[in-house]
Amino acid sequence: MRILVDECVPRPFARQFPEHVVSTIVEQGWAGKKNGELLGLMAAAGWEALITVDQNLRYQQNLTGTPVAVLVLLALSNRLTDLLPLVGSAKGVLQVIQPGQVIEVIAPTG
């Protein structure tokens, strides 16, 4: 799967998915793009999924019929240490997520 990591997610998080082709918004030169434009760029370039911590994206964009799936990470913060516990669940979601879907991955409690 071709995955882009949003600029609100620490760039080292992208290294947690070596089984996929992964890049960051910054590496693509798309930093600062609004969500609608970003999703259009992703679709045109063949990216299949976006990993973000932006919980509002699903309410701001209609993803129905788009070739891009969105994985939203829900943690205490967007710091790498808070996001790393979500990697296992995120990998599971990436195996089943479909284009146009938004799936949230919640940090384990305890």
N, C-alpha and C. Protein backbone atom coordinates (compact mmCIF):
# COMPACT_ATOMS: atom_id res chain seq x y z
N MET A 1 0.84 -1.18 0.00
CA MET A 1 0.00 0.00 0.00
C MET A 1 0.89 1.24 0.00
N ARG A 2 0.44 2.28 -0.68
CA ARG A 2 1.15 3.57 -0.72
C ARG A 2 0.51 4.50 0.30
N ILE A 3 1.28 4.87 1.32
CA ILE A 3 0.77 5.62 2.47
C ILE A 3 1.50 6.94 2.62
N LEU A 4 0.73 8.00 2.85
CA LEU A 4 1.30 9.29 3.18
C LEU A 4 1.03 9.59 4.65
N VAL A 5 2.02 10.15 5.33
CA VAL A 5 1.89 10.54 6.72
C VAL A 5 1.74 12.06 6.75
N ASP A 6 0.66 12.51 7.38
CA ASP A 6 0.33 13.93 7.44
C ASP A 6 1.42 14.70 8.18
N GLU A 7 1.49 16.00 7.91
CA GLU A 7 2.53 16.82 8.54
C GLU A 7 2.29 17.05 10.02
N CYS A 8 1.11 16.74 10.53
CA CYS A 8 0.84 16.88 11.97
C CYS A 8 1.30 15.64 12.75
N VAL A 9 1.80 14.64 12.04
CA VAL A 9 2.33 13.41 12.65
C VAL A 9 3.86 13.50 12.57
N PRO A 10 4.57 13.19 13.65
CA PRO A 10 6.03 13.24 13.59
C PRO A 10 6.58 12.37 12.46
N ARG A 11 7.51 12.93 11.71
CA ARG A 11 8.05 12.23 10.54
C ARG A 11 8.63 10.85 10.86
N PRO A 12 9.28 10.64 12.01
CA PRO A 12 9.81 9.30 12.31
C PRO A 12 8.72 8.22 12.40
N PHE A 13 7.47 8.61 12.60
CA PHE A 13 6.38 7.63 12.65
C PHE A 13 6.28 6.86 11.34
N ALA A 14 6.63 7.49 10.25
CA ALA A 14 6.55 6.84 8.93
C ALA A 14 7.44 5.60 8.84
N ARG A 15 8.50 5.56 9.62
CA ARG A 15 9.42 4.41 9.58
C ARG A 15 8.83 3.15 10.21
N GLN A 16 7.69 3.26 10.85
CA GLN A 16 7.07 2.12 11.53
C GLN A 16 6.36 1.16 10.57
N PHE A 17 6.33 1.50 9.28
CA PHE A 17 5.58 0.71 8.30
C PHE A 17 6.45 0.29 7.13
N PRO A 18 7.54 -0.45 7.40
CA PRO A 18 8.48 -0.80 6.32
C PRO A 18 7.88 -1.74 5.27
N GLU A 19 6.76 -2.37 5.61
CA GLU A 19 6.13 -3.29 4.65
C GLU A 19 5.32 -2.54 3.60
N HIS A 20 5.23 -1.22 3.71
CA HIS A 20 4.49 -0.38 2.78
C HIS A 20 5.42 0.66 2.16
N VAL A 21 4.97 1.28 1.09
CA VAL A 21 5.65 2.44 0.52
C VAL A 21 5.11 3.64 1.29
N VAL A 22 5.97 4.30 2.05
CA VAL A 22 5.52 5.38 2.92
C VAL A 22 6.35 6.63 2.67
N SER A 23 5.66 7.76 2.64
CA SER A 23 6.32 9.06 2.52
C SER A 23 5.56 10.02 3.43
N THR A 24 6.06 11.23 3.53
CA THR A 24 5.38 12.25 4.33
C THR A 24 4.92 13.37 3.42
N ILE A 25 3.98 14.14 3.90
CA ILE A 25 3.49 15.29 3.16
C ILE A 25 4.66 16.24 2.86
N VAL A 26 5.52 16.43 3.85
CA VAL A 26 6.67 17.32 3.68
C VAL A 26 7.59 16.80 2.58
N GLU A 27 7.89 15.50 2.59
CA GLU A 27 8.76 14.92 1.57
C GLU A 27 8.18 15.06 0.17
N GLN A 28 6.86 15.09 0.07
CA GLN A 28 6.21 15.25 -1.23
C GLN A 28 6.17 16.72 -1.67
N GLY A 29 6.54 17.63 -0.78
CA GLY A 29 6.50 19.05 -1.10
C GLY A 29 5.11 19.64 -0.98
N TRP A 30 4.23 18.99 -0.21
CA TRP A 30 2.84 19.42 -0.09
C TRP A 30 2.53 20.04 1.27
N ALA A 31 3.55 20.43 2.02
CA ALA A 31 3.33 21.03 3.34
C ALA A 31 2.45 22.27 3.20
N GLY A 32 1.52 22.42 4.13
CA GLY A 32 0.65 23.59 4.14
C GLY A 32 -0.57 23.49 3.26
N LYS A 33 -0.71 22.42 2.49
CA LYS A 33 -1.89 22.26 1.63
C LYS A 33 -3.12 22.00 2.49
N LYS A 34 -4.24 22.56 2.09
CA LYS A 34 -5.51 22.31 2.77
C LYS A 34 -5.95 20.88 2.47
N ASN A 35 -6.79 20.32 3.34
CA ASN A 35 -7.19 18.91 3.22
C ASN A 35 -7.77 18.56 1.86
N GLY A 36 -8.67 19.38 1.33
CA GLY A 36 -9.29 19.08 0.04
C GLY A 36 -8.27 19.01 -1.07
N GLU A 37 -7.39 19.99 -1.13
CA GLU A 37 -6.34 20.00 -2.15
C GLU A 37 -5.39 18.83 -1.95
N LEU A 38 -5.05 18.56 -0.70
CA LEU A 38 -4.14 17.46 -0.39
C LEU A 38 -4.71 16.12 -0.86
N LEU A 39 -5.97 15.87 -0.57
CA LEU A 39 -6.60 14.61 -0.99
C LEU A 39 -6.62 14.50 -2.52
N GLY A 40 -6.85 15.60 -3.21
CA GLY A 40 -6.81 15.59 -4.67
C GLY A 40 -5.43 15.27 -5.20
N LEU A 41 -4.40 15.87 -4.60
CA LEU A 41 -3.02 15.59 -4.99
C LEU A 41 -2.67 14.13 -4.74
N MET A 42 -3.10 13.62 -3.59
CA MET A 42 -2.84 12.22 -3.24
C MET A 42 -3.47 11.28 -4.26
N ALA A 43 -4.72 11.52 -4.58
CA ALA A 43 -5.44 10.67 -5.53
C ALA A 43 -4.76 10.70 -6.89
N ALA A 44 -4.39 11.89 -7.35
CA ALA A 44 -3.75 12.03 -8.67
C ALA A 44 -2.39 11.35 -8.72
N ALA A 45 -1.69 11.30 -7.59
CA ALA A 45 -0.35 10.69 -7.53
C ALA A 45 -0.38 9.21 -7.16
N GLY A 46 -1.58 8.66 -6.91
CA GLY A 46 -1.68 7.24 -6.63
C GLY A 46 -1.47 6.83 -5.19
N TRP A 47 -1.49 7.79 -4.26
CA TRP A 47 -1.39 7.44 -2.83
C TRP A 47 -2.72 6.85 -2.40
N GLU A 48 -2.67 5.80 -1.59
CA GLU A 48 -3.88 5.06 -1.22
C GLU A 48 -4.42 5.39 0.17
N ALA A 49 -3.54 5.83 1.07
CA ALA A 49 -3.98 6.08 2.45
C ALA A 49 -3.23 7.26 3.04
N LEU A 50 -3.91 7.94 3.96
CA LEU A 50 -3.33 9.04 4.70
C LEU A 50 -3.41 8.69 6.18
N ILE A 51 -2.28 8.82 6.88
CA ILE A 51 -2.26 8.67 8.34
C ILE A 51 -2.17 10.07 8.93
N THR A 52 -3.12 10.40 9.80
CA THR A 52 -3.21 11.73 10.38
C THR A 52 -3.68 11.67 11.82
N VAL A 53 -3.56 12.79 12.51
CA VAL A 53 -4.17 12.93 13.83
C VAL A 53 -5.32 13.94 13.76
N ASP A 54 -5.62 14.43 12.57
CA ASP A 54 -6.67 15.42 12.34
C ASP A 54 -8.05 14.76 12.44
N GLN A 55 -8.69 14.93 13.59
CA GLN A 55 -9.99 14.29 13.83
C GLN A 55 -11.12 14.98 13.06
N ASN A 56 -10.89 16.17 12.56
CA ASN A 56 -11.94 16.91 11.87
C ASN A 56 -12.00 16.62 10.37
N LEU A 57 -11.00 15.96 9.83
CA LEU A 57 -10.94 15.73 8.39
C LEU A 57 -12.20 15.06 7.86
N ARG A 58 -12.72 14.08 8.59
CA ARG A 58 -13.91 13.35 8.13
C ARG A 58 -15.12 14.25 8.04
N TYR A 59 -15.15 15.33 8.83
CA TYR A 59 -16.29 16.24 8.81
C TYR A 59 -16.11 17.37 7.80
N GLN A 60 -14.86 17.61 7.41
CA GLN A 60 -14.55 18.70 6.48
C GLN A 60 -14.53 18.24 5.03
N GLN A 61 -14.34 16.95 4.81
CA GLN A 61 -14.20 16.43 3.45
C GLN A 61 -15.13 15.25 3.23
N ASN A 62 -15.73 15.19 2.06
CA ASN A 62 -16.53 14.03 1.69
C ASN A 62 -15.61 13.05 0.97
N LEU A 63 -15.31 11.97 1.62
CA LEU A 63 -14.37 11.00 1.05
C LEU A 63 -15.06 9.92 0.23
N THR A 64 -16.38 9.91 0.21
CA THR A 64 -17.13 8.91 -0.54
C THR A 64 -16.71 8.96 -2.01
N GLY A 65 -16.33 7.83 -2.53
CA GLY A 65 -15.96 7.74 -3.93
C GLY A 65 -14.53 8.13 -4.25
N THR A 66 -13.77 8.55 -3.24
CA THR A 66 -12.37 8.88 -3.49
C THR A 66 -11.51 7.63 -3.37
N PRO A 67 -10.35 7.60 -4.02
CA PRO A 67 -9.47 6.44 -3.92
C PRO A 67 -8.58 6.45 -2.69
N VAL A 68 -8.78 7.43 -1.80
CA VAL A 68 -7.92 7.58 -0.64
C VAL A 68 -8.66 7.18 0.64
N ALA A 69 -8.01 6.37 1.46
CA ALA A 69 -8.53 6.01 2.77
C ALA A 69 -7.78 6.84 3.81
N VAL A 70 -8.43 7.07 4.94
CA VAL A 70 -7.81 7.89 5.99
C VAL A 70 -7.80 7.11 7.30
N LEU A 71 -6.64 7.06 7.91
CA LEU A 71 -6.45 6.44 9.22
C LEU A 71 -6.16 7.56 10.21
N VAL A 72 -7.04 7.74 11.19
CA VAL A 72 -6.91 8.81 12.17
C VAL A 72 -6.39 8.21 13.48
N LEU A 73 -5.27 8.72 13.95
CA LEU A 73 -4.67 8.27 15.19
C LEU A 73 -5.20 9.12 16.34
N LEU A 74 -5.77 8.47 17.35
CA LEU A 74 -6.30 9.17 18.52
C LEU A 74 -5.44 8.83 19.73
N ALA A 75 -4.68 9.81 20.17
CA ALA A 75 -3.78 9.61 21.31
C ALA A 75 -3.81 10.87 22.17
N LEU A 76 -3.09 10.84 23.29
CA LEU A 76 -3.04 12.00 24.17
C LEU A 76 -2.50 13.24 23.47
N SER A 77 -1.54 13.04 22.58
CA SER A 77 -0.94 14.14 21.83
C SER A 77 -0.42 13.56 20.51
N ASN A 78 0.16 14.41 19.70
CA ASN A 78 0.75 13.94 18.46
C ASN A 78 2.26 13.71 18.60
N ARG A 79 2.74 13.61 19.84
CA ARG A 79 4.15 13.28 20.07
C ARG A 79 4.39 11.81 19.70
N LEU A 80 5.57 11.55 19.20
CA LEU A 80 5.92 10.20 18.78
C LEU A 80 5.71 9.18 19.89
N THR A 81 6.09 9.51 21.12
CA THR A 81 5.94 8.56 22.23
C THR A 81 4.47 8.20 22.49
N ASP A 82 3.57 9.14 22.22
CA ASP A 82 2.14 8.86 22.40
C ASP A 82 1.55 8.09 21.22
N LEU A 83 2.16 8.22 20.05
CA LEU A 83 1.63 7.56 18.85
C LEU A 83 2.17 6.15 18.64
N LEU A 84 3.37 5.88 19.11
CA LEU A 84 3.98 4.56 18.89
C LEU A 84 3.12 3.39 19.39
N PRO A 85 2.40 3.50 20.52
CA PRO A 85 1.56 2.38 20.95
C PRO A 85 0.42 2.05 19.98
N LEU A 86 0.14 2.92 19.03
CA LEU A 86 -0.93 2.68 18.06
C LEU A 86 -0.46 1.94 16.81
N VAL A 87 0.83 1.72 16.68
CA VAL A 87 1.39 1.13 15.45
C VAL A 87 0.77 -0.23 15.14
N GLY A 88 0.69 -1.12 16.13
CA GLY A 88 0.14 -2.46 15.88
C GLY A 88 -1.28 -2.40 15.37
N SER A 89 -2.12 -1.61 16.02
CA SER A 89 -3.51 -1.47 15.58
C SER A 89 -3.59 -0.82 14.21
N ALA A 90 -2.74 0.17 13.97
CA ALA A 90 -2.73 0.85 12.67
C ALA A 90 -2.37 -0.13 11.56
N LYS A 91 -1.41 -1.00 11.81
CA LYS A 91 -1.03 -2.00 10.80
C LYS A 91 -2.20 -2.92 10.48
N GLY A 92 -2.96 -3.31 11.51
CA GLY A 92 -4.13 -4.15 11.29
C GLY A 92 -5.18 -3.44 10.45
N VAL A 93 -5.42 -2.17 10.75
CA VAL A 93 -6.40 -1.40 9.98
C VAL A 93 -5.96 -1.25 8.53
N LEU A 94 -4.68 -1.02 8.30
CA LEU A 94 -4.18 -0.85 6.94
C LEU A 94 -4.39 -2.10 6.09
N GLN A 95 -4.54 -3.25 6.72
CA GLN A 95 -4.79 -4.48 5.96
C GLN A 95 -6.22 -4.58 5.47
N VAL A 96 -7.14 -3.84 6.09
CA VAL A 96 -8.56 -3.98 5.74
C VAL A 96 -9.23 -2.69 5.27
N ILE A 97 -8.61 -1.55 5.47
CA ILE A 97 -9.24 -0.28 5.12
C ILE A 97 -9.48 -0.21 3.61
N GLN A 98 -10.60 0.40 3.25
CA GLN A 98 -11.00 0.51 1.85
C GLN A 98 -10.97 1.97 1.41
N PRO A 99 -10.82 2.23 0.11
CA PRO A 99 -10.85 3.61 -0.38
C PRO A 99 -12.12 4.33 0.07
N GLY A 100 -11.96 5.58 0.49
CA GLY A 100 -13.08 6.38 0.93
C GLY A 100 -13.43 6.21 2.39
N GLN A 101 -12.84 5.23 3.07
CA GLN A 101 -13.13 5.00 4.48
C GLN A 101 -12.27 5.88 5.37
N VAL A 102 -12.81 6.21 6.53
CA VAL A 102 -12.06 6.85 7.61
C VAL A 102 -12.19 5.93 8.81
N ILE A 103 -11.04 5.48 9.33
CA ILE A 103 -11.04 4.60 10.50
C ILE A 103 -10.15 5.23 11.56
N GLU A 104 -10.66 5.27 12.77
CA GLU A 104 -9.92 5.82 13.90
C GLU A 104 -9.23 4.69 14.66
N VAL A 105 -8.00 4.94 15.08
CA VAL A 105 -7.25 4.01 15.92
C VAL A 105 -7.02 4.71 17.24
N ILE A 106 -7.53 4.11 18.30
CA ILE A 106 -7.49 4.72 19.62
C ILE A 106 -6.36 4.12 20.45
N ALA A 107 -5.65 5.00 21.15
CA ALA A 107 -4.55 4.56 22.00
C ALA A 107 -5.07 3.64 23.09
N PRO A 108 -4.34 2.56 23.38
CA PRO A 108 -4.74 1.67 24.46
C PRO A 108 -4.69 2.41 25.80
N THR A 109 -5.60 2.06 26.67
CA THR A 109 -5.62 2.68 27.99
C THR A 109 -4.96 1.75 29.00
N GLY A 110 -4.51 2.33 30.06
CA GLY A 110 -3.92 1.52 31.11
C GLY A 110 -2.51 1.80 31.20
